[in-house]
PDB file of all heavy atoms in Angstrom:
ATOM      1  N   GLN A   1      -6.162  13.531  14.676  1.00  0.00           N
ATOM      2  CA  GLN A   1      -5.016  13.427  13.772  1.00  0.00           C
ATOM      3  C   GLN A   1      -4.437  12.019  13.790  1.00  0.00           C
ATOM      4  O   GLN A   1      -4.045  11.493  12.743  1.00  0.00           O
ATOM      5  CB  GLN A   1      -3.953  14.461  14.148  1.00  0.00           C
ATOM      6  CG  GLN A   1      -4.330  15.894  13.792  1.00  0.00           C
ATOM      7  CD  GLN A   1      -3.219  16.869  14.126  1.00  0.00           C
ATOM      8  OE1 GLN A   1      -2.290  16.563  14.868  1.00  0.00           O
ATOM      9  NE2 GLN A   1      -3.319  18.075  13.575  1.00  0.00           N
ATOM     10  N   GLN A   2      -4.370  11.416  14.980  1.00  0.00           N
ATOM     11  CA  GLN A   2      -3.852  10.056  15.089  1.00  0.00           C
ATOM     12  C   GLN A   2      -4.754   9.066  14.367  1.00  0.00           C
ATOM     13  O   GLN A   2      -4.281   8.159  13.673  1.00  0.00           O
ATOM     14  CB  GLN A   2      -3.700   9.659  16.549  1.00  0.00           C
ATOM     15  CG  GLN A   2      -3.038   8.290  16.755  1.00  0.00           C
ATOM     16  CD  GLN A   2      -1.650   8.240  16.175  1.00  0.00           C
ATOM     17  OE1 GLN A   2      -0.819   9.106  16.442  1.00  0.00           O
ATOM     18  NE2 GLN A   2      -1.376   7.233  15.357  1.00  0.00           N
ATOM     19  N   LYS A   3      -6.077   9.255  14.527  1.00  0.00           N
ATOM     20  CA  LYS A   3      -7.025   8.381  13.829  1.00  0.00           C
ATOM     21  C   LYS A   3      -6.877   8.513  12.327  1.00  0.00           C
ATOM     22  O   LYS A   3      -6.918   7.528  11.584  1.00  0.00           O
ATOM     23  CB  LYS A   3      -8.464   8.715  14.252  1.00  0.00           C
ATOM     24  CG  LYS A   3      -8.830   8.250  15.651  1.00  0.00           C
ATOM     25  CD  LYS A   3     -10.258   8.617  15.970  1.00  0.00           C
ATOM     26  CE  LYS A   3     -10.667   8.150  17.366  1.00  0.00           C
ATOM     27  NZ  LYS A   3     -12.059   8.558  17.701  1.00  0.00           N
ATOM     28  N   SER A   4      -6.699   9.749  11.864  1.00  0.00           N
ATOM     29  CA  SER A   4      -6.520   9.983  10.430  1.00  0.00           C
ATOM     30  C   SER A   4      -5.231   9.341   9.932  1.00  0.00           C
ATOM     31  O   SER A   4      -5.213   8.720   8.854  1.00  0.00           O
ATOM     32  CB  SER A   4      -6.495  11.489  10.158  1.00  0.00           C
ATOM     33  OG  SER A   4      -6.270  11.750   8.785  1.00  0.00           O
ATOM     34  N   ALA A   5      -4.156   9.458  10.709  1.00  0.00           N
ATOM     35  CA  ALA A   5      -2.881   8.853  10.329  1.00  0.00           C
ATOM     36  C   ALA A   5      -2.984   7.326  10.311  1.00  0.00           C
ATOM     37  O   ALA A   5      -2.452   6.669   9.402  1.00  0.00           O
ATOM     38  CB  ALA A   5      -1.781   9.302  11.283  1.00  0.00           C
ATOM     39  N   ASP A   6      -3.671   6.757  11.302  1.00  0.00           N
ATOM     40  CA  ASP A   6      -3.841   5.301  11.358  1.00  0.00           C
ATOM     41  C   ASP A   6      -4.656   4.809  10.176  1.00  0.00           C
ATOM     42  O   ASP A   6      -4.346   3.770   9.578  1.00  0.00           O
ATOM     43  CB  ASP A   6      -4.529   4.888  12.662  1.00  0.00           C
ATOM     44  CG  ASP A   6      -3.633   5.079  13.876  1.00  0.00           C
ATOM     45  OD1 ASP A   6      -2.419   5.252  13.696  1.00  0.00           O
ATOM     46  OD2 ASP A   6      -4.166   5.082  15.003  1.00  0.00           O
ATOM     47  N   ARG A   7      -5.714   5.562   9.835  1.00  0.00           N
ATOM     48  CA  ARG A   7      -6.561   5.187   8.698  1.00  0.00           C
ATOM     49  C   ARG A   7      -5.763   5.242   7.397  1.00  0.00           C
ATOM     50  O   ARG A   7      -5.849   4.348   6.557  1.00  0.00           O
ATOM     51  CB  ARG A   7      -7.777   6.106   8.617  1.00  0.00           C
ATOM     52  CG  ARG A   7      -8.732   5.745   7.475  1.00  0.00           C
ATOM     53  CD  ARG A   7     -10.014   6.557   7.540  1.00  0.00           C
ATOM     54  NE  ARG A   7      -9.752   7.990   7.443  1.00  0.00           N
ATOM     55  CZ  ARG A   7      -9.854   8.851   8.456  1.00  0.00           C
ATOM     56  NH1 ARG A   7     -10.197   8.415   9.659  1.00  0.00           N
ATOM     57  NH2 ARG A   7      -9.608  10.137   8.281  1.00  0.00           N
ATOM     58  N   ARG A   8      -4.953   6.294   7.241  1.00  0.00           N
ATOM     59  CA  ARG A   8      -4.137   6.424   6.029  1.00  0.00           C
ATOM     60  C   ARG A   8      -3.117   5.292   5.947  1.00  0.00           C
ATOM     61  O   ARG A   8      -2.877   4.751   4.863  1.00  0.00           O
ATOM     62  CB  ARG A   8      -3.416   7.778   6.038  1.00  0.00           C
ATOM     63  CG  ARG A   8      -2.624   8.061   4.764  1.00  0.00           C
ATOM     64  CD  ARG A   8      -3.502   7.981   3.554  1.00  0.00           C
ATOM     65  NE  ARG A   8      -2.817   8.432   2.350  1.00  0.00           N
ATOM     66  CZ  ARG A   8      -3.114   8.011   1.130  1.00  0.00           C
ATOM     67  NH1 ARG A   8      -4.083   7.110   0.961  1.00  0.00           N
ATOM     68  NH2 ARG A   8      -2.469   8.469   0.079  1.00  0.00           N
ATOM     69  N   ARG A   9      -2.534   4.922   7.065  1.00  0.00           N
ATOM     70  CA  ARG A   9      -1.567   3.825   7.087  1.00  0.00           C
ATOM     71  C   ARG A   9      -2.226   2.512   6.672  1.00  0.00           C
ATOM     72  O   ARG A   9      -1.658   1.738   5.900  1.00  0.00           O
ATOM     73  CB  ARG A   9      -0.958   3.705   8.486  1.00  0.00           C
ATOM     74  CG  ARG A   9       0.179   2.692   8.596  1.00  0.00           C
ATOM     75  CD  ARG A   9       0.721   2.695  10.010  1.00  0.00           C
ATOM     76  NE  ARG A   9       1.723   1.668  10.220  1.00  0.00           N
ATOM     77  CZ  ARG A   9       3.014   1.808   9.973  1.00  0.00           C
ATOM     78  NH1 ARG A   9       3.475   2.956   9.484  1.00  0.00           N
ATOM     79  NH2 ARG A   9       3.870   0.826  10.196  1.00  0.00           N
ATOM     80  N   ARG A  10      -3.452   2.261   7.175  1.00  0.00           N
ATOM     81  CA  ARG A  10      -4.186   1.057   6.783  1.00  0.00           C
ATOM     82  C   ARG A  10      -4.457   1.056   5.285  1.00  0.00           C
ATOM     83  O   ARG A  10      -4.333   0.023   4.618  1.00  0.00           O
ATOM     84  CB  ARG A  10      -5.500   0.946   7.555  1.00  0.00           C
ATOM     85  CG  ARG A  10      -5.349   0.469   8.994  1.00  0.00           C
ATOM     86  CD  ARG A  10      -6.682   0.044   9.574  1.00  0.00           C
ATOM     87  NE  ARG A  10      -7.665   1.108   9.530  1.00  0.00           N
ATOM     88  CZ  ARG A  10      -7.827   2.022  10.487  1.00  0.00           C
ATOM     89  NH1 ARG A  10      -7.041   2.002  11.558  1.00  0.00           N
ATOM     90  NH2 ARG A  10      -8.757   2.944  10.390  1.00  0.00           N
ATOM     91  N   GLU A  11      -4.827   2.191   4.755  1.00  0.00           N
ATOM     92  CA  GLU A  11      -5.098   2.287   3.317  1.00  0.00           C
ATOM     93  C   GLU A  11      -3.845   1.981   2.496  1.00  0.00           C
ATOM     94  O   GLU A  11      -3.921   1.296   1.467  1.00  0.00           O
ATOM     95  CB  GLU A  11      -5.623   3.691   2.972  1.00  0.00           C
ATOM     96  CG  GLU A  11      -7.021   3.984   3.507  1.00  0.00           C
ATOM     97  CD  GLU A  11      -7.397   5.456   3.386  1.00  0.00           C
ATOM     98  OE1 GLU A  11      -6.526   6.277   3.001  1.00  0.00           O
ATOM     99  OE2 GLU A  11      -8.569   5.789   3.680  1.00  0.00           O
ATOM    100  N   LEU A  12      -2.702   2.480   2.945  1.00  0.00           N
ATOM    101  CA  LEU A  12      -1.451   2.224   2.232  1.00  0.00           C
ATOM    102  C   LEU A  12      -1.064   0.751   2.323  1.00  0.00           C
ATOM    103  O   LEU A  12      -0.564   0.169   1.354  1.00  0.00           O
ATOM    104  CB  LEU A  12      -0.335   3.112   2.786  1.00  0.00           C
ATOM    105  CG  LEU A  12      -0.496   4.621   2.529  1.00  0.00           C
ATOM    106  CD1 LEU A  12       0.627   5.393   3.211  1.00  0.00           C
ATOM    107  CD2 LEU A  12      -0.510   4.927   1.033  1.00  0.00           C
ATOM    108  N   LEU A  13      -1.281   0.137   3.481  1.00  0.00           N
ATOM    109  CA  LEU A  13      -0.989  -1.288   3.622  1.00  0.00           C
ATOM    110  C   LEU A  13      -1.917  -2.129   2.750  1.00  0.00           C
ATOM    111  O   LEU A  13      -1.495  -3.152   2.182  1.00  0.00           O
ATOM    112  CB  LEU A  13      -1.106  -1.721   5.081  1.00  0.00           C
ATOM    113  CG  LEU A  13       0.032  -1.265   5.998  1.00  0.00           C
ATOM    114  CD1 LEU A  13      -0.277  -1.611   7.450  1.00  0.00           C
ATOM    115  CD2 LEU A  13       1.355  -1.899   5.583  1.00  0.00           C
ATOM    116  N   GLU A  14      -3.169  -1.701   2.615  1.00  0.00           N
ATOM    117  CA  GLU A  14      -4.096  -2.417   1.736  1.00  0.00           C
ATOM    118  C   GLU A  14      -3.668  -2.290   0.274  1.00  0.00           C
ATOM    119  O   GLU A  14      -3.757  -3.263  -0.498  1.00  0.00           O
ATOM    120  CB  GLU A  14      -5.519  -1.892   1.936  1.00  0.00           C
ATOM    121  CG  GLU A  14      -6.139  -2.347   3.258  1.00  0.00           C
ATOM    122  CD  GLU A  14      -7.366  -1.542   3.658  1.00  0.00           C
ATOM    123  OE1 GLU A  14      -7.801  -0.684   2.853  1.00  0.00           O
ATOM    124  OE2 GLU A  14      -7.869  -1.767   4.770  1.00  0.00           O
ATOM    125  N   ALA A  15      -3.169  -1.124  -0.098  1.00  0.00           N
ATOM    126  CA  ALA A  15      -2.638  -0.944  -1.455  1.00  0.00           C
ATOM    127  C   ALA A  15      -1.415  -1.831  -1.656  1.00  0.00           C
ATOM    128  O   ALA A  15      -1.253  -2.469  -2.711  1.00  0.00           O
ATOM    129  CB  ALA A  15      -2.269   0.517  -1.692  1.00  0.00           C
ATOM    130  N   ALA A  16      -0.543  -1.893  -0.645  1.00  0.00           N
ATOM    131  CA  ALA A  16       0.639  -2.757  -0.726  1.00  0.00           C
ATOM    132  C   ALA A  16       0.229  -4.218  -0.857  1.00  0.00           C
ATOM    133  O   ALA A  16       0.823  -4.972  -1.641  1.00  0.00           O
ATOM    134  CB  ALA A  16       1.516  -2.555   0.505  1.00  0.00           C
ATOM    135  N   ASP A  17      -0.793  -4.622  -0.112  1.00  0.00           N
ATOM    136  CA  ASP A  17      -1.283  -5.998  -0.205  1.00  0.00           C
ATOM    137  C   ASP A  17      -1.741  -6.325  -1.623  1.00  0.00           C
ATOM    138  O   ASP A  17      -1.483  -7.421  -2.133  1.00  0.00           O
ATOM    139  CB  ASP A  17      -2.451  -6.202   0.763  1.00  0.00           C
ATOM    140  CG  ASP A  17      -2.024  -6.898   2.053  1.00  0.00           C
ATOM    141  OD1 ASP A  17      -0.935  -7.486   2.078  1.00  0.00           O
ATOM    142  OD2 ASP A  17      -2.797  -6.845   3.021  1.00  0.00           O
ATOM    143  N   ARG A  18      -2.439  -5.399  -2.256  1.00  0.00           N
ATOM    144  CA  ARG A  18      -2.927  -5.652  -3.617  1.00  0.00           C
ATOM    145  C   ARG A  18      -1.757  -5.861  -4.580  1.00  0.00           C
ATOM    146  O   ARG A  18      -1.806  -6.736  -5.452  1.00  0.00           O
ATOM    147  CB  ARG A  18      -3.820  -4.504  -4.086  1.00  0.00           C
ATOM    148  CG  ARG A  18      -5.146  -4.394  -3.344  1.00  0.00           C
ATOM    149  CD  ARG A  18      -6.117  -3.460  -4.030  1.00  0.00           C
ATOM    150  NE  ARG A  18      -5.669  -2.075  -4.054  1.00  0.00           N
ATOM    151  CZ  ARG A  18      -5.903  -1.189  -3.088  1.00  0.00           C
ATOM    152  NH1 ARG A  18      -6.567  -1.563  -1.996  1.00  0.00           N
ATOM    153  NH2 ARG A  18      -5.490   0.064  -3.183  1.00  0.00           N
ATOM    154  N   VAL A  19      -0.720  -5.059  -4.424  1.00  0.00           N
ATOM    155  CA  VAL A  19       0.450  -5.201  -5.295  1.00  0.00           C
ATOM    156  C   VAL A  19       1.168  -6.515  -5.011  1.00  0.00           C
ATOM    157  O   VAL A  19       1.593  -7.218  -5.939  1.00  0.00           O
ATOM    158  CB  VAL A  19       1.407  -4.004  -5.120  1.00  0.00           C
ATOM    159  CG1 VAL A  19       2.691  -4.213  -5.923  1.00  0.00           C
ATOM    160  CG2 VAL A  19       0.729  -2.712  -5.551  1.00  0.00           C
ATOM    161  N   VAL A  20       1.308  -6.862  -3.741  1.00  0.00           N
ATOM    162  CA  VAL A  20       1.981  -8.109  -3.375  1.00  0.00           C
ATOM    163  C   VAL A  20       1.202  -9.313  -3.902  1.00  0.00           C
ATOM    164  O   VAL A  20       1.785 -10.276  -4.407  1.00  0.00           O
ATOM    165  CB  VAL A  20       2.164  -8.199  -1.846  1.00  0.00           C
ATOM    166  CG1 VAL A  20       2.635  -9.595  -1.433  1.00  0.00           C
ATOM    167  CG2 VAL A  20       3.162  -7.156  -1.370  1.00  0.00           C
ATOM    168  N   LEU A  21      -0.122  -9.272  -3.814  1.00  0.00           N
ATOM    169  CA  LEU A  21      -0.941 -10.357  -4.346  1.00  0.00           C
ATOM    170  C   LEU A  21      -0.746 -10.511  -5.854  1.00  0.00           C
ATOM    171  O   LEU A  21      -0.815 -11.610  -6.400  1.00  0.00           O
ATOM    172  CB  LEU A  21      -2.422 -10.111  -4.042  1.00  0.00           C
ATOM    173  CG  LEU A  21      -2.889 -10.446  -2.626  1.00  0.00           C
ATOM    174  CD1 LEU A  21      -4.299  -9.925  -2.387  1.00  0.00           C
ATOM    175  CD2 LEU A  21      -2.854 -11.966  -2.402  1.00  0.00           C
ATOM    176  N   ARG A  22      -0.486  -9.406  -6.517  1.00  0.00           N
ATOM    177  CA  ARG A  22      -0.287  -9.426  -7.978  1.00  0.00           C
ATOM    178  C   ARG A  22       1.146  -9.788  -8.351  1.00  0.00           C
ATOM    179  O   ARG A  22       1.383 -10.598  -9.240  1.00  0.00           O
ATOM    180  CB  ARG A  22      -0.642  -8.055  -8.548  1.00  0.00           C
ATOM    181  CG  ARG A  22      -0.579  -7.974 -10.071  1.00  0.00           C
ATOM    182  CD  ARG A  22      -0.772  -6.542 -10.529  1.00  0.00           C
ATOM    183  NE  ARG A  22       0.390  -5.713 -10.226  1.00  0.00           N
ATOM    184  CZ  ARG A  22       0.312  -4.441  -9.807  1.00  0.00           C
ATOM    185  NH1 ARG A  22      -0.863  -3.865  -9.611  1.00  0.00           N
ATOM    186  NH2 ARG A  22       1.413  -3.758  -9.562  1.00  0.00           N
ATOM    187  N   ASP A  23       2.119  -9.198  -7.644  1.00  0.00           N
ATOM    188  CA  ASP A  23       3.518  -9.287  -8.070  1.00  0.00           C
ATOM    189  C   ASP A  23       4.391 -10.186  -7.200  1.00  0.00           C
ATOM    190  O   ASP A  23       5.517 -10.501  -7.592  1.00  0.00           O
ATOM    191  CB  ASP A  23       4.150  -7.889  -8.091  1.00  0.00           C
ATOM    192  CG  ASP A  23       3.471  -6.960  -9.077  1.00  0.00           C
ATOM    193  OD1 ASP A  23       2.763  -7.459  -9.983  1.00  0.00           O
ATOM    194  OD2 ASP A  23       3.643  -5.728  -8.946  1.00  0.00           O
ATOM    195  N   GLY A  24       3.916 -10.565  -6.019  1.00  0.00           N
ATOM    196  CA  GLY A  24       4.721 -11.399  -5.140  1.00  0.00           C
ATOM    197  C   GLY A  24       6.020 -10.718  -4.747  1.00  0.00           C
ATOM    198  O   GLY A  24       6.047  -9.510  -4.466  1.00  0.00           O
ATOM    199  N   PRO A  25       7.133 -11.466  -4.750  1.00  0.00           N
ATOM    200  CA  PRO A  25       8.416 -10.887  -4.338  1.00  0.00           C
ATOM    201  C   PRO A  25       8.894  -9.735  -5.218  1.00  0.00           C
ATOM    202  O   PRO A  25       9.770  -8.974  -4.815  1.00  0.00           O
ATOM    203  CB  PRO A  25       9.392 -12.081  -4.443  1.00  0.00           C
ATOM    204  CG  PRO A  25       8.529 -13.281  -4.362  1.00  0.00           C
ATOM    205  CD  PRO A  25       7.241 -12.906  -5.021  1.00  0.00           C
ATOM    206  N   SER A  26       8.309  -9.610  -6.423  1.00  0.00           N
ATOM    207  CA  SER A  26       8.707  -8.512  -7.316  1.00  0.00           C
ATOM    208  C   SER A  26       8.063  -7.178  -6.949  1.00  0.00           C
ATOM    209  O   SER A  26       8.365  -6.157  -7.566  1.00  0.00           O
ATOM    210  CB  SER A  26       8.354  -8.856  -8.771  1.00  0.00           C
ATOM    211  OG  SER A  26       9.075  -9.984  -9.205  1.00  0.00           O
ATOM    212  N   ALA A  27       7.173  -7.187  -5.970  1.00  0.00           N
ATOM    213  CA  ALA A  27       6.495  -5.951  -5.566  1.00  0.00           C
ATOM    214  C   ALA A  27       7.524  -4.892  -5.184  1.00  0.00           C
ATOM    215  O   ALA A  27       8.400  -5.134  -4.364  1.00  0.00           O
ATOM    216  CB  ALA A  27       5.548  -6.224  -4.401  1.00  0.00           C
ATOM    217  N   SER A  28       7.425  -3.724  -5.781  1.00  0.00           N
ATOM    218  CA  SER A  28       8.391  -2.656  -5.533  1.00  0.00           C
ATOM    219  C   SER A  28       7.714  -1.466  -4.877  1.00  0.00           C
ATOM    220  O   SER A  28       6.480  -1.320  -4.915  1.00  0.00           O
ATOM    221  CB  SER A  28       9.029  -2.201  -6.849  1.00  0.00           C
ATOM    222  OG  SER A  28       8.061  -1.570  -7.666  1.00  0.00           O
ATOM    223  N   MET A  29       8.516  -0.599  -4.290  1.00  0.00           N
ATOM    224  CA  MET A  29       7.988   0.617  -3.688  1.00  0.00           C
ATOM    225  C   MET A  29       7.334   1.492  -4.754  1.00  0.00           C
ATOM    226  O   MET A  29       6.314   2.139  -4.496  1.00  0.00           O
ATOM    227  CB  MET A  29       9.101   1.372  -2.971  1.00  0.00           C
ATOM    228  CG  MET A  29       9.717   0.623  -1.794  1.00  0.00           C
ATOM    229  SD  MET A  29       8.591   0.437  -0.400  1.00  0.00           S
ATOM    230  CE  MET A  29       8.803   1.994   0.461  1.00  0.00           C
ATOM    231  N   ASN A  30       7.890   1.521  -5.949  1.00  0.00           N
ATOM    232  CA  ASN A  30       7.305   2.313  -7.039  1.00  0.00           C
ATOM    233  C   ASN A  30       5.899   1.820  -7.365  1.00  0.00           C
ATOM    234  O   ASN A  30       4.962   2.614  -7.527  1.00  0.00           O
ATOM    235  CB  ASN A  30       8.182   2.239  -8.291  1.00  0.00           C
ATOM    236  CG  ASN A  30       9.412   3.128  -8.203  1.00  0.00           C
ATOM    237  OD1 ASN A  30       9.387   4.163  -7.544  1.00  0.00           O
ATOM    238  ND2 ASN A  30      10.494   2.712  -8.839  1.00  0.00           N
ATOM    239  N   ALA A  31       5.753   0.490  -7.485  1.00  0.00           N
ATOM    240  CA  ALA A  31       4.447  -0.081  -7.831  1.00  0.00           C
ATOM    241  C   ALA A  31       3.434   0.163  -6.723  1.00  0.00           C
ATOM    242  O   ALA A  31       2.254   0.446  -6.985  1.00  0.00           O
ATOM    243  CB  ALA A  31       4.593  -1.569  -8.113  1.00  0.00           C
ATOM    244  N   ILE A  32       3.880   0.051  -5.470  1.00  0.00           N
ATOM    245  CA  ILE A  32       2.974   0.254  -4.336  1.00  0.00           C
ATOM    246  C   ILE A  32       2.536   1.717  -4.257  1.00  0.00           C
ATOM    247  O   ILE A  32       1.357   2.016  -4.023  1.00  0.00           O
ATOM    248  CB  ILE A  32       3.649  -0.207  -3.029  1.00  0.00           C
ATOM    249  CG1 ILE A  32       3.819  -1.726  -3.059  1.00  0.00           C
ATOM    250  CG2 ILE A  32       2.840   0.226  -1.809  1.00  0.00           C
ATOM    251  CD1 ILE A  32       4.723  -2.277  -1.972  1.00  0.00           C
ATOM    252  N   ALA A  33       3.476   2.637  -4.471  1.00  0.00           N
ATOM    253  CA  ALA A  33       3.125   4.064  -4.472  1.00  0.00           C
ATOM    254  C   ALA A  33       2.115   4.362  -5.566  1.00  0.00           C
ATOM    255  O   ALA A  33       1.131   5.090  -5.355  1.00  0.00           O
ATOM    256  CB  ALA A  33       4.384   4.906  -4.650  1.00  0.00           C
ATOM    257  N   ALA A  34       2.332   3.772  -6.758  1.00  0.00           N
ATOM    258  CA  ALA A  34       1.406   3.996  -7.871  1.00  0.00           C
ATOM    259  C   ALA A  34       0.021   3.443  -7.542  1.00  0.00           C
ATOM    260  O   ALA A  34      -1.009   4.078  -7.836  1.00  0.00           O
ATOM    261  CB  ALA A  34       1.954   3.349  -9.142  1.00  0.00           C
ATOM    262  N   GLU A  35      -0.028   2.266  -6.936  1.00  0.00           N
ATOM    263  CA  GLU A  35      -1.309   1.653  -6.571  1.00  0.00           C
ATOM    264  C   GLU A  35      -2.052   2.518  -5.560  1.00  0.00           C
ATOM    265  O   GLU A  35      -3.292   2.638  -5.609  1.00  0.00           O
ATOM    266  CB  GLU A  35      -1.065   0.259  -5.976  1.00  0.00           C
ATOM    267  CG  GLU A  35      -2.305  -0.459  -5.464  1.00  0.00           C
ATOM    268  CD  GLU A  35      -3.247  -0.894  -6.573  1.00  0.00           C
ATOM    269  OE1 GLU A  35      -2.794  -1.049  -7.729  1.00  0.00           O
ATOM    270  OE2 GLU A  35      -4.450  -1.075  -6.285  1.00  0.00           O
ATOM    271  N   ALA A  36      -1.310   3.140  -4.649  1.00  0.00           N
ATOM    272  CA  ALA A  36      -1.924   3.988  -3.624  1.00  0.00           C
ATOM    273  C   ALA A  36      -2.248   5.383  -4.133  1.00  0.00           C
ATOM    274  O   ALA A  36      -2.885   6.172  -3.423  1.00  0.00           O
ATOM    275  CB  ALA A  36      -0.993   4.078  -2.415  1.00  0.00           C
ATOM    276  N   GLY A  37      -1.771   5.709  -5.350  1.00  0.00           N
ATOM    277  CA  GLY A  37      -2.034   7.031  -5.919  1.00  0.00           C
ATOM    278  C   GLY A  37      -1.222   8.131  -5.272  1.00  0.00           C
ATOM    279  O   GLY A  37      -1.674   9.280  -5.171  1.00  0.00           O
TER     280      GLY A  37
END
């Protein structure tokens, strides 16, 4: 369960990175959630 949670957290951070690379300081929680599905 911990491994699964860690993997999911990494995936969410990677999604956040993609949004930040696109939007910079304008990156929002809404956009990051959408990117992560």
